Amino acid sequence: MSRLAAKPCWEDMRRQLTFRCEDHEDLSNCPDSLVVYSENSGQFGIRVHDGGSSSIAIRHCPWCGATLV
């Protein structure tokens, strides 16, 4: 998350990446958890809510289109 420098629209992204749900211990089960960051790969992704922990890698902010590198 340190790559999210002070960019105005990235507050939405930061809020998603630090989101904690009171109802779902595992965020892959929470419909409100949309974005994930993988420490291992260094990639951001959009969570796939299919009952697993899959995500689709993204290179741009879903809110403004800024490059996420």
PDB file of N, CA and C in Angstrom:
ATOM      1  N   MET A   1       0.812  -1.194   0.000  1.00  0.00           N
ATOM      2  CA  MET A   1       0.000   0.000   0.000  1.00  0.00           C
ATOM      3  C   MET A   1       0.855   1.258   0.000  1.00  0.00           C
ATOM      4  N   SER A   2       2.128   1.110   0.216  1.00  0.00           N
ATOM      5  CA  SER A   2       2.989   2.279   0.224  1.00  0.00           C
ATOM      6  C   SER A   2       3.058   2.924  -1.158  1.00  0.00           C
ATOM      7  N   ARG A   3       2.655   2.216  -2.196  1.00  0.00           N
ATOM      8  CA  ARG A   3       2.668   2.784  -3.540  1.00  0.00           C
ATOM      9  C   ARG A   3       1.538   3.785  -3.741  1.00  0.00           C
ATOM     10  N   LEU A   4       0.601   3.833  -2.832  1.00  0.00           N
ATOM     11  CA  LEU A   4      -0.512   4.758  -2.967  1.00  0.00           C
ATOM     12  C   LEU A   4      -0.116   6.108  -2.378  1.00  0.00           C
ATOM     13  N   ALA A   5       0.594   6.867  -3.145  1.00  0.00           N
ATOM     14  CA  ALA A   5       1.033   8.192  -2.707  1.00  0.00           C
ATOM     15  C   ALA A   5      -0.167   9.113  -2.591  1.00  0.00           C
ATOM     16  N   ALA A   6       0.079  10.345  -2.271  1.00  0.00           N
ATOM     17  CA  ALA A   6      -0.995  11.312  -2.026  1.00  0.00           C
ATOM     18  C   ALA A   6      -1.681  11.709  -3.331  1.00  0.00           C
ATOM     19  N   LYS A   7      -2.504  10.851  -3.860  1.00  0.00           N
ATOM     20  CA  LYS A   7      -3.321  11.139  -5.032  1.00  0.00           C
ATOM     21  C   LYS A   7      -4.759  11.230  -4.547  1.00  0.00           C
ATOM     22  N   PRO A   8      -5.473  12.272  -4.937  1.00  0.00           N
ATOM     23  CA  PRO A   8      -6.829  12.500  -4.408  1.00  0.00           C
ATOM     24  C   PRO A   8      -7.782  11.320  -4.530  1.00  0.00           C
ATOM     25  N   CYS A   9      -7.898  10.719  -5.705  1.00  0.00           N
ATOM     26  CA  CYS A   9      -8.886   9.644  -5.866  1.00  0.00           C
ATOM     27  C   CYS A   9      -8.442   8.358  -5.186  1.00  0.00           C
ATOM     28  N   TRP A  10      -7.182   8.264  -4.831  1.00  0.00           N
ATOM     29  CA  TRP A  10      -6.690   7.033  -4.241  1.00  0.00           C
ATOM     30  C   TRP A  10      -7.127   6.855  -2.793  1.00  0.00           C
ATOM     31  N   GLU A  11      -7.817   7.841  -2.249  1.00  0.00           N
ATOM     32  CA  GLU A  11      -8.416   7.646  -0.927  1.00  0.00           C
ATOM     33  C   GLU A  11      -9.451   6.527  -1.008  1.00  0.00           C
ATOM     34  N   ASP A  12     -10.180   6.459  -2.114  1.00  0.00           N
ATOM     35  CA  ASP A  12     -11.144   5.373  -2.305  1.00  0.00           C
ATOM     36  C   ASP A  12     -10.424   4.035  -2.349  1.00  0.00           C
ATOM     37  N   MET A  13      -9.310   3.993  -3.054  1.00  0.00           N
ATOM     38  CA  MET A  13      -8.524   2.762  -3.145  1.00  0.00           C
ATOM     39  C   MET A  13      -7.948   2.404  -1.781  1.00  0.00           C
ATOM     40  N   ARG A  14      -7.393   3.367  -1.081  1.00  0.00           N
ATOM     41  CA  ARG A  14      -6.831   3.115   0.249  1.00  0.00           C
ATOM     42  C   ARG A  14      -7.920   2.611   1.200  1.00  0.00           C
ATOM     43  N   ARG A  15      -9.089   3.210   1.114  1.00  0.00           N
ATOM     44  CA  ARG A  15     -10.209   2.795   1.967  1.00  0.00           C
ATOM     45  C   ARG A  15     -10.571   1.332   1.678  1.00  0.00           C
ATOM     46  N   GLN A  16     -10.561   0.932   0.407  1.00  0.00           N
ATOM     47  CA  GLN A  16     -10.850  -0.452   0.047  1.00  0.00           C
ATOM     48  C   GLN A  16      -9.772  -1.400   0.562  1.00  0.00           C
ATOM     49  N   LEU A  17      -8.510  -1.002   0.428  1.00  0.00           N
ATOM     50  CA  LEU A  17      -7.409  -1.875   0.814  1.00  0.00           C
ATOM     51  C   LEU A  17      -7.281  -2.042   2.327  1.00  0.00           C
ATOM     52  N   THR A  18      -7.810  -1.097   3.092  1.00  0.00           N
ATOM     53  CA  THR A  18      -7.750  -1.194   4.548  1.00  0.00           C
ATOM     54  C   THR A  18      -9.105  -1.572   5.157  1.00  0.00           C
ATOM     55  N   PHE A  19     -10.073  -1.864   4.311  1.00  0.00           N
ATOM     56  CA  PHE A  19     -11.427  -2.196   4.737  1.00  0.00           C
ATOM     57  C   PHE A  19     -11.448  -3.443   5.621  1.00  0.00           C
ATOM     58  N   ARG A  20     -12.193  -3.390   6.687  1.00  0.00           N
ATOM     59  CA  ARG A  20     -12.441  -4.541   7.560  1.00  0.00           C
ATOM     60  C   ARG A  20     -13.947  -4.645   7.763  1.00  0.00           C
ATOM     61  N   CYS A  21     -14.465  -5.841   7.626  1.00  0.00           N
ATOM     62  CA  CYS A  21     -15.904  -6.065   7.717  1.00  0.00           C
ATOM     63  C   CYS A  21     -16.258  -6.664   9.077  1.00  0.00           C
ATOM     64  N   GLU A  22     -17.289  -6.143   9.676  1.00  0.00           N
ATOM     65  CA  GLU A  22     -17.757  -6.656  10.973  1.00  0.00           C
ATOM     66  C   GLU A  22     -18.475  -7.999  10.818  1.00  0.00           C
ATOM     67  N   ASP A  23     -19.017  -8.260   9.631  1.00  0.00           N
ATOM     68  CA  ASP A  23     -19.819  -9.465   9.418  1.00  0.00           C
ATOM     69  C   ASP A  23     -19.043 -10.626   8.794  1.00  0.00           C
ATOM     70  N   HIS A  24     -17.937 -10.328   8.101  1.00  0.00           N
ATOM     71  CA  HIS A  24     -17.193 -11.366   7.394  1.00  0.00           C
ATOM     72  C   HIS A  24     -15.726 -11.343   7.813  1.00  0.00           C
ATOM     73  N   GLU A  25     -15.293 -12.385   8.487  1.00  0.00           N
ATOM     74  CA  GLU A  25     -13.895 -12.484   8.895  1.00  0.00           C
ATOM     75  C   GLU A  25     -12.998 -12.618   7.659  1.00  0.00           C
ATOM     76  N   ASP A  26     -13.439 -13.412   6.697  1.00  0.00           N
ATOM     77  CA  ASP A  26     -12.722 -13.604   5.434  1.00  0.00           C
ATOM     78  C   ASP A  26     -13.306 -12.632   4.411  1.00  0.00           C
ATOM     79  N   LEU A  27     -12.513 -11.653   3.993  1.00  0.00           N
ATOM     80  CA  LEU A  27     -13.016 -10.622   3.088  1.00  0.00           C
ATOM     81  C   LEU A  27     -13.406 -11.167   1.718  1.00  0.00           C
ATOM     82  N   SER A  28     -12.935 -12.343   1.348  1.00  0.00           N
ATOM     83  CA  SER A  28     -13.348 -12.908   0.065  1.00  0.00           C
ATOM     84  C   SER A  28     -14.836 -13.270   0.087  1.00  0.00           C
ATOM     85  N   ASN A  29     -15.431 -13.330   1.272  1.00  0.00           N
ATOM     86  CA  ASN A  29     -16.866 -13.601   1.406  1.00  0.00           C
ATOM     87  C   ASN A  29     -17.695 -12.331   1.550  1.00  0.00           C
ATOM     88  N   CYS A  30     -17.056 -11.182   1.602  1.00  0.00           N
ATOM     89  CA  CYS A  30     -17.763  -9.918   1.837  1.00  0.00           C
ATOM     90  C   CYS A  30     -18.039  -9.194   0.521  1.00  0.00           C
ATOM     91  N   PRO A  31     -19.298  -8.944   0.203  1.00  0.00           N
ATOM     92  CA  PRO A  31     -19.626  -8.254  -1.045  1.00  0.00           C
ATOM     93  C   PRO A  31     -19.160  -6.793  -1.079  1.00  0.00           C
ATOM     94  N   ASP A  32     -18.806  -6.240   0.060  1.00  0.00           N
ATOM     95  CA  ASP A  32     -18.338  -4.854   0.111  1.00  0.00           C
ATOM     96  C   ASP A  32     -16.833  -4.729  -0.111  1.00  0.00           C
ATOM     97  N   SER A  33     -16.118  -5.843  -0.117  1.00  0.00           N
ATOM     98  CA  SER A  33     -14.681  -5.839  -0.358  1.00  0.00           C
ATOM     99  C   SER A  33     -14.443  -6.014  -1.851  1.00  0.00           C
ATOM    100  N   LEU A  34     -13.960  -4.963  -2.508  1.00  0.00           N
ATOM    101  CA  LEU A  34     -13.860  -4.962  -3.964  1.00  0.00           C
ATOM    102  C   LEU A  34     -12.435  -5.083  -4.497  1.00  0.00           C
ATOM    103  N   VAL A  35     -11.477  -4.511  -3.783  1.00  0.00           N
ATOM    104  CA  VAL A  35     -10.103  -4.440  -4.274  1.00  0.00           C
ATOM    105  C   VAL A  35      -9.177  -5.163  -3.307  1.00  0.00           C
ATOM    106  N   VAL A  36      -8.170  -5.810  -3.858  1.00  0.00           N
ATOM    107  CA  VAL A  36      -7.204  -6.553  -3.058  1.00  0.00           C
ATOM    108  C   VAL A  36      -5.800  -6.199  -3.551  1.00  0.00           C
ATOM    109  N   TYR A  37      -4.828  -6.282  -2.646  1.00  0.00           N
ATOM    110  CA  TYR A  37      -3.422  -6.092  -3.011  1.00  0.00           C
ATOM    111  C   TYR A  37      -2.655  -7.328  -2.561  1.00  0.00           C
ATOM    112  N   SER A  38      -1.891  -7.906  -3.452  1.00  0.00           N
ATOM    113  CA  SER A  38      -1.095  -9.087  -3.136  1.00  0.00           C
ATOM    114  C   SER A  38       0.338  -8.677  -2.837  1.00  0.00           C
ATOM    115  N   GLU A  39       0.762  -8.877  -1.609  1.00  0.00           N
ATOM    116  CA  GLU A  39       2.144  -8.581  -1.216  1.00  0.00           C
ATOM    117  C   GLU A  39       3.120  -9.444  -2.013  1.00  0.00           C
ATOM    118  N   ASN A  40       2.748 -10.709  -2.257  1.00  0.00           N
ATOM    119  CA  ASN A  40       3.631 -11.639  -2.954  1.00  0.00           C
ATOM    120  C   ASN A  40       3.939 -11.196  -4.377  1.00  0.00           C
ATOM    121  N   SER A  41       2.905 -10.817  -5.118  1.00  0.00           N
ATOM    122  CA  SER A  41       3.099 -10.449  -6.523  1.00  0.00           C
ATOM    123  C   SER A  41       3.273  -8.949  -6.714  1.00  0.00           C
ATOM    124  N   GLY A  42       2.887  -8.157  -5.702  1.00  0.00           N
ATOM    125  CA  GLY A  42       2.951  -6.703  -5.842  1.00  0.00           C
ATOM    126  C   GLY A  42       1.888  -6.155  -6.770  1.00  0.00           C
ATOM    127  N   GLN A  43       0.787  -6.908  -6.941  1.00  0.00           N
ATOM    128  CA  GLN A  43      -0.272  -6.503  -7.854  1.00  0.00           C
ATOM    129  C   GLN A  43      -1.556  -6.159  -7.113  1.00  0.00           C
ATOM    130  N   PHE A  44      -2.285  -5.228  -7.700  1.00  0.00           N
ATOM    131  CA  PHE A  44      -3.623  -4.892  -7.244  1.00  0.00           C
ATOM    132  C   PHE A  44      -4.597  -5.726  -8.057  1.00  0.00           C
ATOM    133  N   GLY A  45      -5.773  -5.980  -7.493  1.00  0.00           N
ATOM    134  CA  GLY A  45      -6.767  -6.754  -8.222  1.00  0.00           C
ATOM    135  C   GLY A  45      -8.183  -6.425  -7.795  1.00  0.00           C
ATOM    136  N   ILE A  46      -9.114  -6.781  -8.663  1.00  0.00           N
ATOM    137  CA  ILE A  46     -10.543  -6.694  -8.358  1.00  0.00           C
ATOM    138  C   ILE A  46     -10.951  -8.086  -7.891  1.00  0.00           C
ATOM    139  N   ARG A  47     -11.542  -8.139  -6.725  1.00  0.00           N
ATOM    140  CA  ARG A  47     -11.937  -9.417  -6.125  1.00  0.00           C
ATOM    141  C   ARG A  47     -13.060 -10.065  -6.942  1.00  0.00           C
ATOM    142  N   VAL A  48     -12.939 -11.374  -7.168  1.00  0.00           N
ATOM    143  CA  VAL A  48     -13.975 -12.149  -7.850  1.00  0.00           C
ATOM    144  C   VAL A  48     -14.794 -12.846  -6.763  1.00  0.00           C
ATOM    145  N   HIS A  49     -16.042 -12.462  -6.644  1.00  0.00           N
ATOM    146  CA  HIS A  49     -16.910 -13.026  -5.604  1.00  0.00           C
ATOM    147  C   HIS A  49     -17.600 -14.282  -6.128  1.00  0.00           C
ATOM    148  N   ASP A  50     -16.840 -15.384  -6.177  1.00  0.00           N
ATOM    149  CA  ASP A  50     -17.371 -16.644  -6.678  1.00  0.00           C
ATOM    150  C   ASP A  50     -17.261 -17.752  -5.638  1.00  0.00           C
ATOM    151  N   GLY A  51     -17.051 -17.367  -4.394  1.00  0.00           N
ATOM    152  CA  GLY A  51     -16.924 -18.352  -3.333  1.00  0.00           C
ATOM    153  C   GLY A  51     -15.485 -18.706  -3.015  1.00  0.00           C
ATOM    154  N   GLY A  52     -14.546 -18.173  -3.782  1.00  0.00           N
ATOM    155  CA  GLY A  52     -13.128 -18.433  -3.542  1.00  0.00           C
ATOM    156  C   GLY A  52     -12.397 -17.137  -3.223  1.00  0.00           C
ATOM    157  N   SER A  53     -11.091 -17.168  -3.378  1.00  0.00           N
ATOM    158  CA  SER A  53     -10.299 -15.974  -3.065  1.00  0.00           C
ATOM    159  C   SER A  53      -9.644 -15.387  -4.317  1.00  0.00           C
ATOM    160  N   SER A  54     -10.223 -15.634  -5.479  1.00  0.00           N
ATOM    161  CA  SER A  54      -9.663 -15.156  -6.737  1.00  0.00           C
ATOM    162  C   SER A  54      -9.807 -13.647  -6.897  1.00  0.00           C
ATOM    163  N   SER A  55      -8.898 -13.110  -7.710  1.00  0.00           N
ATOM    164  CA  SER A  55      -9.005 -11.704  -8.110  1.00  0.00           C
ATOM    165  C   SER A  55      -8.450 -11.573  -9.516  1.00  0.00           C
ATOM    166  N   ILE A  56      -8.842 -10.509 -10.187  1.00  0.00           N
ATOM    167  CA  ILE A  56      -8.350 -10.207 -11.525  1.00  0.00           C
ATOM    168  C   ILE A  56      -7.397  -9.032 -11.404  1.00  0.00           C
ATOM    169  N   ALA A  57      -6.157  -9.232 -11.845  1.00  0.00           N
ATOM    170  CA  ALA A  57      -5.133  -8.194 -11.733  1.00  0.00           C
ATOM    171  C   ALA A  57      -5.548  -6.942 -12.509  1.00  0.00           C
ATOM    172  N   ILE A  58      -5.270  -5.788 -11.908  1.00  0.00           N
ATOM    173  CA  ILE A  58      -5.534  -4.515 -12.567  1.00  0.00           C
ATOM    174  C   ILE A  58      -4.266  -3.673 -12.525  1.00  0.00           C
ATOM    175  N   ARG A  59      -4.095  -2.826 -13.506  1.00  0.00           N
ATOM    176  CA  ARG A  59      -2.932  -1.948 -13.576  1.00  0.00           C
ATOM    177  C   ARG A  59      -3.304  -0.490 -13.408  1.00  0.00           C
ATOM    178  N   HIS A  60      -4.617  -0.227 -13.367  1.00  0.00           N
ATOM    179  CA  HIS A  60      -5.095   1.147 -13.267  1.00  0.00           C
ATOM    180  C   HIS A  60      -6.161   1.257 -12.183  1.00  0.00           C
ATOM    181  N   CYS A  61      -6.218   2.405 -11.569  1.00  0.00           N
ATOM    182  CA  CYS A  61      -7.213   2.678 -10.531  1.00  0.00           C
ATOM    183  C   CYS A  61      -8.613   2.559 -11.118  1.00  0.00           C
ATOM    184  N   PRO A  62      -9.496   1.790 -10.484  1.00  0.00           N
ATOM    185  CA  PRO A  62     -10.860   1.650 -10.997  1.00  0.00           C
ATOM    186  C   PRO A  62     -11.682   2.931 -10.886  1.00  0.00           C
ATOM    187  N   TRP A  63     -11.232   3.903 -10.092  1.00  0.00           N
ATOM    188  CA  TRP A  63     -11.971   5.140  -9.922  1.00  0.00           C
ATOM    189  C   TRP A  63     -11.535   6.236 -10.887  1.00  0.00           C
ATOM    190  N   CYS A  64     -10.229   6.343 -11.153  1.00  0.00           N
ATOM    191  CA  CYS A  64      -9.761   7.458 -11.994  1.00  0.00           C
ATOM    192  C   CYS A  64      -8.926   7.040 -13.187  1.00  0.00           C
ATOM    193  N   GLY A  65      -8.479   5.793 -13.220  1.00  0.00           N
ATOM    194  CA  GLY A  65      -7.684   5.322 -14.339  1.00  0.00           C
ATOM    195  C   GLY A  65      -6.183   5.542 -14.206  1.00  0.00           C
ATOM    196  N   ALA A  66      -5.744   6.100 -13.071  1.00  0.00           N
ATOM    197  CA  ALA A  66      -4.304   6.331 -12.859  1.00  0.00           C
ATOM    198  C   ALA A  66      -3.566   4.994 -12.800  1.00  0.00           C
ATOM    199  N   THR A  67      -2.350   4.968 -13.306  1.00  0.00           N
ATOM    200  CA  THR A  67      -1.524   3.773 -13.270  1.00  0.00           C
ATOM    201  C   THR A  67      -1.167   3.416 -11.837  1.00  0.00           C
ATOM    202  N   LEU A  68      -1.249   2.139 -11.498  1.00  0.00           N
ATOM    203  CA  LEU A  68      -1.014   1.679 -10.130  1.00  0.00           C
ATOM    204  C   LEU A  68       0.390   1.102  -9.940  1.00  0.00           C
ATOM    205  N   VAL A  69       1.397   1.748 -10.452  1.00  0.00           N
ATOM    206  CA  VAL A  69       2.771   1.273 -10.245  1.00  0.00           C
ATOM    207  C   VAL A  69       3.617   2.351  -9.639  1.00  0.00           C
TER     208      VAL A  69
END
